[in-house]
Protein backbone atom coordinates (compact mmCIF):
# COMPACT_ATOMS: atom_id res chain seq x y z
CA MET A 1 32.66 -0.33 -6.40
CA VAL A 2 29.48 -2.38 -6.21
CA SER A 3 26.26 -0.72 -5.18
CA SER A 4 22.95 -2.39 -4.57
CA LEU A 5 19.46 -1.21 -3.86
CA THR A 6 18.46 -2.42 -0.43
CA ASP A 7 14.84 -1.21 -0.13
CA LEU A 8 12.93 -1.81 -3.34
CA ASP A 9 9.34 -2.12 -2.01
CA PHE A 10 7.66 -0.54 -5.01
CA ALA A 11 8.92 0.78 -8.33
CA ASP A 12 7.85 4.26 -7.26
CA ASP A 13 9.13 4.01 -3.67
CA ILE A 14 12.90 3.63 -3.62
CA VAL A 15 15.17 4.79 -0.82
CA MET A 16 18.92 5.12 -1.29
CA LEU A 17 20.97 5.75 1.84
CA SER A 18 24.60 6.67 2.28
CA ASP A 19 26.77 9.00 4.29
CA LEU A 20 28.67 10.02 1.15
CA HIS A 21 27.29 12.18 -1.67
CA ASP A 22 29.44 10.43 -4.28
CA ILE A 23 27.99 7.02 -3.43
CA ILE A 24 24.39 8.23 -3.69
CA GLN A 25 25.17 9.94 -7.00
CA HIS A 26 26.79 6.73 -8.27
CA MET A 27 23.78 4.66 -7.15
CA THR A 28 21.42 7.13 -8.84
CA ASP A 29 23.44 7.01 -12.06
CA ASP A 30 23.49 3.19 -12.03
CA PHE A 31 19.76 3.01 -11.35
CA ASN A 32 19.00 5.47 -14.14
CA THR A 33 21.25 3.64 -16.63
CA ASN A 34 19.64 0.28 -15.90
CA ALA A 35 16.10 1.68 -15.86
CA VAL A 36 16.60 3.17 -19.34
CA LYS A 37 17.77 -0.23 -20.63
CA ILE A 38 14.36 -1.72 -19.89
CA GLY A 39 12.32 1.29 -20.99
CA LEU A 40 11.78 3.01 -17.64
CA HIS A 41 12.73 6.51 -16.56
CA ILE A 42 13.12 8.38 -13.30
CA GLY A 43 10.48 11.11 -13.00
CA CYS A 44 12.72 13.99 -11.94
CA GLU A 45 9.74 16.21 -11.18
CA LYS A 46 8.62 13.66 -8.54
CA THR A 47 12.05 12.60 -7.25
CA LYS A 48 13.33 14.41 -4.16
CA ALA A 49 16.57 14.40 -2.16
CA MET A 50 16.64 14.78 1.61
CA PHE A 51 19.75 15.27 3.75
CA VAL A 52 20.35 14.65 7.41
CA GLY A 53 22.97 17.03 8.68
CA GLU A 54 24.96 19.30 6.39
CA PRO A 55 23.79 19.18 2.74
CA PRO A 56 26.44 18.44 0.13
CA THR A 57 27.99 21.29 -1.83
CA THR A 58 26.98 19.75 -5.16
CA PRO A 59 23.39 18.83 -6.03
CA PHE A 60 22.15 15.39 -7.02
CA LEU A 61 21.48 14.88 -10.71
CA VAL A 62 19.58 12.38 -12.81
CA GLY A 63 21.28 12.75 -16.16
CA SER A 64 21.38 16.51 -16.55
CA ASN A 65 18.28 17.10 -14.38
CA LEU A 66 18.74 18.63 -10.93
CA LEU A 67 16.84 16.92 -8.10
CA GLN A 68 14.92 19.13 -5.68
CA SER A 69 16.11 19.04 -2.06
CA VAL A 70 13.43 18.84 0.64
CA GLU A 71 13.49 19.02 4.45
CA ASN A 72 10.85 16.27 4.90
CA PHE A 73 8.73 13.84 2.92
């Protein structure tokens, strides 16, 4: 599986879209792994997850950190 970031306007403004929870989690894991390699980290306290429709049964994680779900940005 190859995933790519398609909207990378700013380092602090990244949108990942998918209709499958597993794909978003995989993209998040890949992004986190590659960010760490160059000395960056995802600020979990600032990072939010938003769902359209039914939310997934498992939460999104960055490493072992749970991401907060929100209804709007």
